[in-house]
Every structure is written in structure tokens, then in C-alpha cells.
PDB file of N, CA and C in Angstrom:
ATOM      1  N   MET A   1     -20.155 -19.525  48.870  1.00  0.00           N
ATOM      2  CA  MET A   1     -19.087 -18.579  48.814  1.00  0.00           C
ATOM      3  C   MET A   1     -18.950 -17.924  50.055  1.00  0.00           C
ATOM      4  N   PRO A   2     -17.822 -17.781  50.677  1.00  0.00           N
ATOM      5  CA  PRO A   2     -17.852 -17.044  51.972  1.00  0.00           C
ATOM      6  C   PRO A   2     -17.948 -15.530  51.863  1.00  0.00           C
ATOM      7  N   LYS A   3     -18.708 -15.083  52.749  1.00  0.00           N
ATOM      8  CA  LYS A   3     -19.004 -13.572  52.812  1.00  0.00           C
ATOM      9  C   LYS A   3     -17.806 -12.839  53.149  1.00  0.00           C
ATOM     10  N   VAL A   4     -17.579 -11.596  52.472  1.00  0.00           N
ATOM     11  CA  VAL A   4     -16.455 -10.687  52.862  1.00  0.00           C
ATOM     12  C   VAL A   4     -16.919 -10.128  54.175  1.00  0.00           C
ATOM     13  N   THR A   5     -15.785 -10.191  55.123  1.00  0.00           N
ATOM     14  CA  THR A   5     -15.935  -9.704  56.489  1.00  0.00           C
ATOM     15  C   THR A   5     -15.192  -8.387  56.525  1.00  0.00           C
ATOM     16  N   ASP A   6     -15.475  -7.812  57.789  1.00  0.00           N
ATOM     17  CA  ASP A   6     -14.759  -6.515  58.023  1.00  0.00           C
ATOM     18  C   ASP A   6     -13.288  -6.788  58.308  1.00  0.00           C
ATOM     19  N   THR A   7     -12.867  -7.942  58.198  1.00  0.00           N
ATOM     20  CA  THR A   7     -11.257  -8.063  58.444  1.00  0.00           C
ATOM     21  C   THR A   7     -10.645  -7.661  57.116  1.00  0.00           C
ATOM     22  N   ILE A   8     -11.393  -7.587  55.969  1.00  0.00           N
ATOM     23  CA  ILE A   8     -10.804  -7.263  54.713  1.00  0.00           C
ATOM     24  C   ILE A   8     -11.248  -5.814  54.432  1.00  0.00           C
ATOM     25  N   THR A   9     -10.930  -4.896  55.273  1.00  0.00           N
ATOM     26  CA  THR A   9     -11.308  -3.580  55.013  1.00  0.00           C
ATOM     27  C   THR A   9     -10.359  -2.662  54.206  1.00  0.00           C
ATOM     28  N   GLN A  10      -9.094  -2.758  54.413  1.00  0.00           N
ATOM     29  CA  GLN A  10      -8.170  -1.824  53.829  1.00  0.00           C
ATOM     30  C   GLN A  10      -7.009  -2.626  53.322  1.00  0.00           C
ATOM     31  N   PRO A  11      -7.206  -3.900  52.504  1.00  0.00           N
ATOM     32  CA  PRO A  11      -5.942  -4.515  52.055  1.00  0.00           C
ATOM     33  C   PRO A  11      -5.454  -3.846  50.864  1.00  0.00           C
ATOM     34  N   GLN A  12      -4.406  -4.212  50.293  1.00  0.00           N
ATOM     35  CA  GLN A  12      -3.944  -3.503  49.051  1.00  0.00           C
ATOM     36  C   GLN A  12      -4.835  -4.222  47.894  1.00  0.00           C
ATOM     37  N   PRO A  13      -4.866  -3.442  46.873  1.00  0.00           N
ATOM     38  CA  PRO A  13      -5.755  -3.869  45.744  1.00  0.00           C
ATOM     39  C   PRO A  13      -5.441  -5.221  45.265  1.00  0.00           C
ATOM     40  N   THR A  14      -4.186  -5.669  45.050  1.00  0.00           N
ATOM     41  CA  THR A  14      -3.746  -6.743  44.675  1.00  0.00           C
ATOM     42  C   THR A  14      -4.190  -7.987  45.661  1.00  0.00           C
ATOM     43  N   GLU A  15      -4.004  -7.858  46.865  1.00  0.00           N
ATOM     44  CA  GLU A  15      -4.498  -8.715  47.934  1.00  0.00           C
ATOM     45  C   GLU A  15      -5.987  -8.914  47.949  1.00  0.00           C
ATOM     46  N   ARG A  16      -6.693  -7.867  47.897  1.00  0.00           N
ATOM     47  CA  ARG A  16      -8.176  -7.831  47.738  1.00  0.00           C
ATOM     48  C   ARG A  16      -8.548  -8.526  46.462  1.00  0.00           C
ATOM     49  N   ARG A  17      -7.972  -8.540  45.451  1.00  0.00           N
ATOM     50  CA  ARG A  17      -8.339  -9.235  44.196  1.00  0.00           C
ATOM     51  C   ARG A  17      -7.937 -10.636  44.273  1.00  0.00           C
ATOM     52  N   LEU A  18      -6.905 -11.068  44.864  1.00  0.00           N
ATOM     53  CA  LEU A  18      -6.460 -12.363  45.137  1.00  0.00           C
ATOM     54  C   LEU A  18      -7.548 -13.219  46.226  1.00  0.00           C
ATOM     55  N   GLU A  19      -7.827 -12.356  47.151  1.00  0.00           N
ATOM     56  CA  GLU A  19      -8.916 -13.016  48.072  1.00  0.00           C
ATOM     57  C   GLU A  19     -10.241 -13.184  47.416  1.00  0.00           C
ATOM     58  N   CYS A  20     -10.671 -12.301  46.491  1.00  0.00           N
ATOM     59  CA  CYS A  20     -11.908 -12.339  45.836  1.00  0.00           C
ATOM     60  C   CYS A  20     -11.889 -13.639  44.803  1.00  0.00           C
ATOM     61  N   GLU A  21     -10.505 -13.970  44.116  1.00  0.00           N
ATOM     62  CA  GLU A  21     -10.473 -14.931  43.467  1.00  0.00           C
ATOM     63  C   GLU A  21     -10.567 -16.221  44.193  1.00  0.00           C
ATOM     64  N   ARG A  22      -9.938 -16.357  45.391  1.00  0.00           N
ATOM     65  CA  ARG A  22      -9.954 -17.482  46.374  1.00  0.00           C
ATOM     66  C   ARG A  22     -11.439 -17.728  46.770  1.00  0.00           C
ATOM     67  N   ALA A  23     -12.080 -16.721  46.985  1.00  0.00           N
ATOM     68  CA  ALA A  23     -13.462 -16.916  47.451  1.00  0.00           C
ATOM     69  C   ALA A  23     -14.453 -17.379  46.379  1.00  0.00           C
ATOM     70  N   LEU A  24     -14.188 -17.004  45.012  1.00  0.00           N
ATOM     71  CA  LEU A  24     -14.924 -17.365  44.012  1.00  0.00           C
ATOM     72  C   LEU A  24     -14.545 -18.803  43.419  1.00  0.00           C
ATOM     73  N   GLU A  25     -13.253 -19.226  43.745  1.00  0.00           N
ATOM     74  CA  GLU A  25     -12.854 -20.453  43.103  1.00  0.00           C
ATOM     75  C   GLU A  25     -13.569 -21.691  43.280  1.00  0.00           C
ATOM     76  N   GLU A  26     -14.015 -22.032  44.370  1.00  0.00           N
ATOM     77  CA  GLU A  26     -14.675 -23.126  44.587  1.00  0.00           C
ATOM     78  C   GLU A  26     -16.057 -23.282  43.858  1.00  0.00           C
ATOM     79  N   ASP A  27     -16.735 -22.169  43.884  1.00  0.00           N
ATOM     80  CA  ASP A  27     -17.965 -22.141  43.236  1.00  0.00           C
ATOM     81  C   ASP A  27     -17.846 -21.983  41.602  1.00  0.00           C
ATOM     82  N   PHE A  28     -16.814 -21.510  41.277  1.00  0.00           N
ATOM     83  CA  PHE A  28     -16.385 -21.461  39.787  1.00  0.00           C
ATOM     84  C   PHE A  28     -16.133 -22.765  39.295  1.00  0.00           C
ATOM     85  N   GLN A  29     -15.471 -23.653  40.183  1.00  0.00           N
ATOM     86  CA  GLN A  29     -15.313 -25.026  39.731  1.00  0.00           C
ATOM     87  C   GLN A  29     -16.609 -25.789  39.706  1.00  0.00           C
ATOM     88  N   VAL A  30     -17.389 -25.716  40.558  1.00  0.00           N
ATOM     89  CA  VAL A  30     -18.706 -26.341  40.574  1.00  0.00           C
ATOM     90  C   VAL A  30     -19.512 -25.834  39.265  1.00  0.00           C
ATOM     91  N   PHE A  31     -19.570 -24.539  39.182  1.00  0.00           N
ATOM     92  CA  PHE A  31     -20.252 -24.062  37.962  1.00  0.00           C
ATOM     93  C   PHE A  31     -19.808 -24.454  36.633  1.00  0.00           C
ATOM     94  N   THR A  32     -18.378 -24.558  36.371  1.00  0.00           N
ATOM     95  CA  THR A  32     -17.821 -25.049  35.186  1.00  0.00           C
ATOM     96  C   THR A  32     -18.092 -26.547  35.044  1.00  0.00           C
ATOM     97  N   SER A  33     -17.939 -27.245  36.073  1.00  0.00           N
ATOM     98  CA  SER A  33     -18.262 -28.643  36.026  1.00  0.00           C
ATOM     99  C   SER A  33     -19.780 -29.055  35.611  1.00  0.00           C
ATOM    100  N   LEU A  34     -20.646 -28.199  36.134  1.00  0.00           N
ATOM    101  CA  LEU A  34     -22.130 -28.331  35.794  1.00  0.00           C
ATOM    102  C   LEU A  34     -22.330 -27.978  34.263  1.00  0.00           C
ATOM    103  N   ALA A  35     -21.568 -27.050  33.752  1.00  0.00           N
ATOM    104  CA  ALA A  35     -21.649 -26.688  32.247  1.00  0.00           C
ATOM    105  C   ALA A  35     -21.051 -27.867  31.514  1.00  0.00           C
ATOM    106  N   GLU A  36     -19.989 -28.273  31.903  1.00  0.00           N
ATOM    107  CA  GLU A  36     -19.298 -29.462  31.109  1.00  0.00           C
ATOM    108  C   GLU A  36     -20.124 -30.688  31.212  1.00  0.00           C
ATOM    109  N   GLY A  37     -20.725 -30.963  32.326  1.00  0.00           N
ATOM    110  CA  GLY A  37     -21.764 -31.957  32.453  1.00  0.00           C
ATOM    111  C   GLY A  37     -22.913 -31.996  31.541  1.00  0.00           C
ATOM    112  N   ALA A  38     -23.299 -30.646  31.336  1.00  0.00           N
ATOM    113  CA  ALA A  38     -24.383 -30.352  30.432  1.00  0.00           C
ATOM    114  C   ALA A  38     -23.948 -30.633  28.917  1.00  0.00           C
ATOM    115  N   GLY A  39     -22.788 -30.779  28.669  1.00  0.00           N
ATOM    116  CA  GLY A  39     -22.286 -31.084  27.279  1.00  0.00           C
ATOM    117  C   GLY A  39     -21.551 -29.928  26.621  1.00  0.00           C
ATOM    118  N   TRP A  40     -21.362 -28.739  27.388  1.00  0.00           N
ATOM    119  CA  TRP A  40     -20.634 -27.627  26.741  1.00  0.00           C
ATOM    120  C   TRP A  40     -19.009 -28.040  26.794  1.00  0.00           C
ATOM    121  N   SER A  41     -18.454 -27.488  25.848  1.00  0.00           N
ATOM    122  CA  SER A  41     -16.960 -27.607  25.823  1.00  0.00           C
ATOM    123  C   SER A  41     -16.282 -26.555  26.653  1.00  0.00           C
ATOM    124  N   TRP A  42     -15.210 -26.827  26.927  1.00  0.00           N
ATOM    125  CA  TRP A  42     -14.408 -25.704  27.879  1.00  0.00           C
ATOM    126  C   TRP A  42     -14.210 -24.537  27.110  1.00  0.00           C
ATOM    127  N   GLN A  43     -14.108 -24.553  25.778  1.00  0.00           N
ATOM    128  CA  GLN A  43     -14.029 -23.324  24.896  1.00  0.00           C
ATOM    129  C   GLN A  43     -15.216 -22.601  24.953  1.00  0.00           C
ATOM    130  N   GLU A  44     -16.398 -23.238  24.693  1.00  0.00           N
ATOM    131  CA  GLU A  44     -17.812 -22.576  24.786  1.00  0.00           C
ATOM    132  C   GLU A  44     -18.085 -21.976  26.137  1.00  0.00           C
ATOM    133  N   ILE A  45     -17.640 -22.757  27.275  1.00  0.00           N
ATOM    134  CA  ILE A  45     -17.806 -22.241  28.523  1.00  0.00           C
ATOM    135  C   ILE A  45     -17.100 -20.785  28.776  1.00  0.00           C
ATOM    136  N   ALA A  46     -15.722 -21.031  28.402  1.00  0.00           N
ATOM    137  CA  ALA A  46     -14.777 -19.842  28.642  1.00  0.00           C
ATOM    138  C   ALA A  46     -15.395 -18.519  27.778  1.00  0.00           C
ATOM    139  N   LEU A  47     -15.709 -18.776  26.442  1.00  0.00           N
ATOM    140  CA  LEU A  47     -16.185 -17.625  25.733  1.00  0.00           C
ATOM    141  C   LEU A  47     -17.516 -17.132  26.443  1.00  0.00           C
ATOM    142  N   ALA A  48     -18.380 -17.807  26.732  1.00  0.00           N
ATOM    143  CA  ALA A  48     -19.640 -17.478  27.239  1.00  0.00           C
ATOM    144  C   ALA A  48     -19.362 -16.623  28.695  1.00  0.00           C
ATOM    145  N   LEU A  49     -18.418 -17.230  29.485  1.00  0.00           N
ATOM    146  CA  LEU A  49     -18.117 -16.373  30.750  1.00  0.00           C
ATOM    147  C   LEU A  49     -17.414 -15.098  30.465  1.00  0.00           C
ATOM    148  N   MET A  50     -16.537 -15.031  29.375  1.00  0.00           N
ATOM    149  CA  MET A  50     -16.074 -13.842  28.895  1.00  0.00           C
ATOM    150  C   MET A  50     -16.914 -12.736  28.569  1.00  0.00           C
ATOM    151  N   GLU A  51     -18.085 -13.266  27.808  1.00  0.00           N
ATOM    152  CA  GLU A  51     -19.065 -12.434  27.334  1.00  0.00           C
ATOM    153  C   GLU A  51     -19.962 -11.894  28.543  1.00  0.00           C
ATOM    154  N   LEU A  52     -20.313 -12.895  29.404  1.00  0.00           N
ATOM    155  CA  LEU A  52     -21.142 -12.445  30.571  1.00  0.00           C
ATOM    156  C   LEU A  52     -20.390 -11.517  31.511  1.00  0.00           C
ATOM    157  N   THR A  53     -18.917 -11.721  31.547  1.00  0.00           N
ATOM    158  CA  THR A  53     -18.098 -10.749  32.493  1.00  0.00           C
ATOM    159  C   THR A  53     -18.209  -9.345  31.722  1.00  0.00           C
ATOM    160  N   GLU A  54     -17.962  -9.360  30.439  1.00  0.00           N
ATOM    161  CA  GLU A  54     -18.101  -8.050  29.726  1.00  0.00           C
ATOM    162  C   GLU A  54     -19.397  -7.390  29.981  1.00  0.00           C
ATOM    163  N   ASP A  55     -20.471  -8.061  29.801  1.00  0.00           N
ATOM    164  CA  ASP A  55     -21.819  -7.464  30.199  1.00  0.00           C
ATOM    165  C   ASP A  55     -21.888  -7.029  31.519  1.00  0.00           C
ATOM    166  N   TYR A  56     -21.317  -7.864  32.501  1.00  0.00           N
ATOM    167  CA  TYR A  56     -21.363  -7.362  33.826  1.00  0.00           C
ATOM    168  C   TYR A  56     -20.586  -6.127  34.214  1.00  0.00           C
ATOM    169  N   VAL A  57     -19.367  -6.001  33.509  1.00  0.00           N
ATOM    170  CA  VAL A  57     -18.624  -4.875  33.651  1.00  0.00           C
ATOM    171  C   VAL A  57     -19.256  -3.624  33.062  1.00  0.00           C
ATOM    172  N   MET A  58     -19.818  -3.758  31.916  1.00  0.00           N
ATOM    173  CA  MET A  58     -20.602  -2.626  31.254  1.00  0.00           C
ATOM    174  C   MET A  58     -21.744  -2.247  32.078  1.00  0.00           C
ATOM    175  N   ALA A  59     -22.479  -3.076  32.712  1.00  0.00           N
ATOM    176  CA  ALA A  59     -23.725  -2.824  33.541  1.00  0.00           C
ATOM    177  C   ALA A  59     -23.149  -2.089  34.881  1.00  0.00           C
ATOM    178  N   MET A  60     -22.093  -2.692  35.389  1.00  0.00           N
ATOM    179  CA  MET A  60     -21.590  -1.851  36.704  1.00  0.00           C
ATOM    180  C   MET A  60     -20.985  -0.551  36.351  1.00  0.00           C
ATOM    181  N   ARG A  61     -20.299  -0.229  35.300  1.00  0.00           N
ATOM    182  CA  ARG A  61     -19.861   0.940  34.795  1.00  0.00           C
ATOM    183  C   ARG A  61     -20.956   1.933  34.630  1.00  0.00           C
ATOM    184  N   MET A  62     -22.054   1.487  34.032  1.00  0.00           N
ATOM    185  CA  MET A  62     -23.174   2.417  33.609  1.00  0.00           C
ATOM    186  C   MET A  62     -23.896   2.722  35.064  1.00  0.00           C
ATOM    187  N   SER A  63     -23.966   1.663  35.903  1.00  0.00           N
ATOM    188  CA  SER A  63     -24.657   2.047  37.269  1.00  0.00           C
ATOM    189  C   SER A  63     -23.888   3.076  37.951  1.00  0.00           C
ATOM    190  N   THR A  64     -22.547   2.907  38.007  1.00  0.00           N
ATOM    191  CA  THR A  64     -21.708   3.799  38.616  1.00  0.00           C
ATOM    192  C   THR A  64     -21.766   5.226  38.078  1.00  0.00           C
ATOM    193  N   LYS A  65     -21.747   5.306  36.844  1.00  0.00           N
ATOM    194  CA  LYS A  65     -21.958   6.517  36.032  1.00  0.00           C
ATOM    195  C   LYS A  65     -23.252   7.181  36.461  1.00  0.00           C
ATOM    196  N   ILE A  66     -24.251   6.466  36.455  1.00  0.00           N
ATOM    197  CA  ILE A  66     -25.630   7.014  36.678  1.00  0.00           C
ATOM    198  C   ILE A  66     -25.626   7.526  38.223  1.00  0.00           C
ATOM    199  N   ALA A  67     -25.090   6.854  39.093  1.00  0.00           N
ATOM    200  CA  ALA A  67     -24.998   7.099  40.572  1.00  0.00           C
ATOM    201  C   ALA A  67     -24.191   8.418  40.742  1.00  0.00           C
ATOM    202  N   GLU A  68     -23.218   8.421  39.876  1.00  0.00           N
ATOM    203  CA  GLU A  68     -22.207   9.715  40.116  1.00  0.00           C
ATOM    204  C   GLU A  68     -22.925  10.960  39.504  1.00  0.00           C
ATOM    205  N   ASN A  69     -23.728  10.728  38.393  1.00  0.00           N
ATOM    206  CA  ASN A  69     -24.468  11.834  37.849  1.00  0.00           C
ATOM    207  C   ASN A  69     -25.655  12.313  38.721  1.00  0.00           C
ATOM    208  N   ALA A  70     -26.248  11.373  39.425  1.00  0.00           N
ATOM    209  CA  ALA A  70     -27.390  11.644  40.352  1.00  0.00           C
ATOM    210  C   ALA A  70     -26.845  12.342  41.474  1.00  0.00           C
ATOM    211  N   SER A  71     -25.666  12.218  41.938  1.00  0.00           N
ATOM    212  CA  SER A  71     -25.093  12.877  43.155  1.00  0.00           C
ATOM    213  C   SER A  71     -24.785  14.318  42.901  1.00  0.00           C
ATOM    214  N   VAL A  72     -24.720  14.713  41.466  1.00  0.00           N
ATOM    215  CA  VAL A  72     -24.278  16.094  41.286  1.00  0.00           C
ATOM    216  C   VAL A  72     -25.712  16.950  41.149  1.00  0.00           C
ATOM    217  N   PRO A  73     -25.474  17.896  41.992  1.00  0.00           N
ATOM    218  CA  PRO A  73     -26.905  18.683  42.049  1.00  0.00           C
ATOM    219  C   PRO A  73     -27.081  19.580  40.653  1.00  0.00           C
ATOM    220  N   PHE A  74     -28.340  19.529  40.208  1.00  0.00           N
ATOM    221  CA  PHE A  74     -28.589  20.354  39.134  1.00  0.00           C
ATOM    222  C   PHE A  74     -28.570  21.751  39.366  1.00  0.00           C
ATOM    223  N   PRO A  75     -27.705  22.609  38.573  1.00  0.00           N
ATOM    224  CA  PRO A  75     -27.616  24.013  38.776  1.00  0.00           C
ATOM    225  C   PRO A  75     -28.711  24.749  38.721  1.00  0.00           C
ATOM    226  N   GLY A  76     -29.616  24.462  37.874  1.00  0.00           N
ATOM    227  CA  GLY A  76     -30.860  25.207  37.794  1.00  0.00           C
ATOM    228  C   GLY A  76     -30.580  26.526  37.136  1.00  0.00           C
ATOM    229  N   ASN A  77     -31.688  27.449  37.259  1.00  0.00           N
ATOM    230  CA  ASN A  77     -31.804  28.802  36.626  1.00  0.00           C
ATOM    231  C   ASN A  77     -30.991  29.691  37.790  1.00  0.00           C
ATOM    232  N   LYS A  78     -30.115  30.355  37.341  1.00  0.00           N
ATOM    233  CA  LYS A  78     -29.386  31.328  38.426  1.00  0.00           C
ATOM    234  C   LYS A  78     -29.918  32.838  38.314  1.00  0.00           C
ATOM    235  N   THR A  79     -30.896  33.046  37.524  1.00  0.00           N
ATOM    236  CA  THR A  79     -31.403  34.421  37.287  1.00  0.00           C
ATOM    237  C   THR A  79     -32.290  34.632  38.649  1.00  0.00           C
ATOM    238  N   LEU A  80     -32.263  36.013  38.988  1.00  0.00           N
ATOM    239  CA  LEU A  80     -32.914  36.420  40.155  1.00  0.00           C
ATOM    240  C   LEU A  80     -34.225  36.881  39.840  1.00  0.00           C
ATOM    241  N   HIS A  81     -34.870  36.879  38.670  1.00  0.00           N
ATOM    242  CA  HIS A  81     -36.144  37.559  38.360  1.00  0.00           C
ATOM    243  C   HIS A  81     -37.207  36.303  38.231  1.00  0.00           C
TER     244      HIS A  81
END
């Protein structure tokens, strides 16, 4: 898969999404062909990929949430004694 370069720094979100799809497409075709060659049906592959995608999204959201919470300083005790 081609590496994202600095030339893709500030595109519109739709353009960036499409560029990501294009970058993943060839590897995706190879990956699904390997799964089909191993005997999995396209329906089984699609469902597995959806589950894996959902797991990935949940993990990334959790990671982002943890990072956001870690960047908020703990107020601590504000008493002066």
C-alpha cells in the first residue's frame, strides 16, 4: 500500500476518504482473493470484515477518548490548608 505523503495534507474530507479507498483497494482485492482461495464465501468474508471494522472503530474511539482524558489536567484539591 502506498504511504500517505505530505502532498495530502489538507484535502477535503471526501477527497481524503476516496484517496484512502484507492490506496487500500489493491491490497483489499489481494486479501479477499486469499480468503476466497481458502474456501470462505464472499458473504462470510464480508461479514467478518464488517465485524473486524466495527472492532477497529470501537478500539480507535476508546483510544481517542483515553488520550483526550489524559490531556485534561486533574484539578486536584483546591484548599489552601
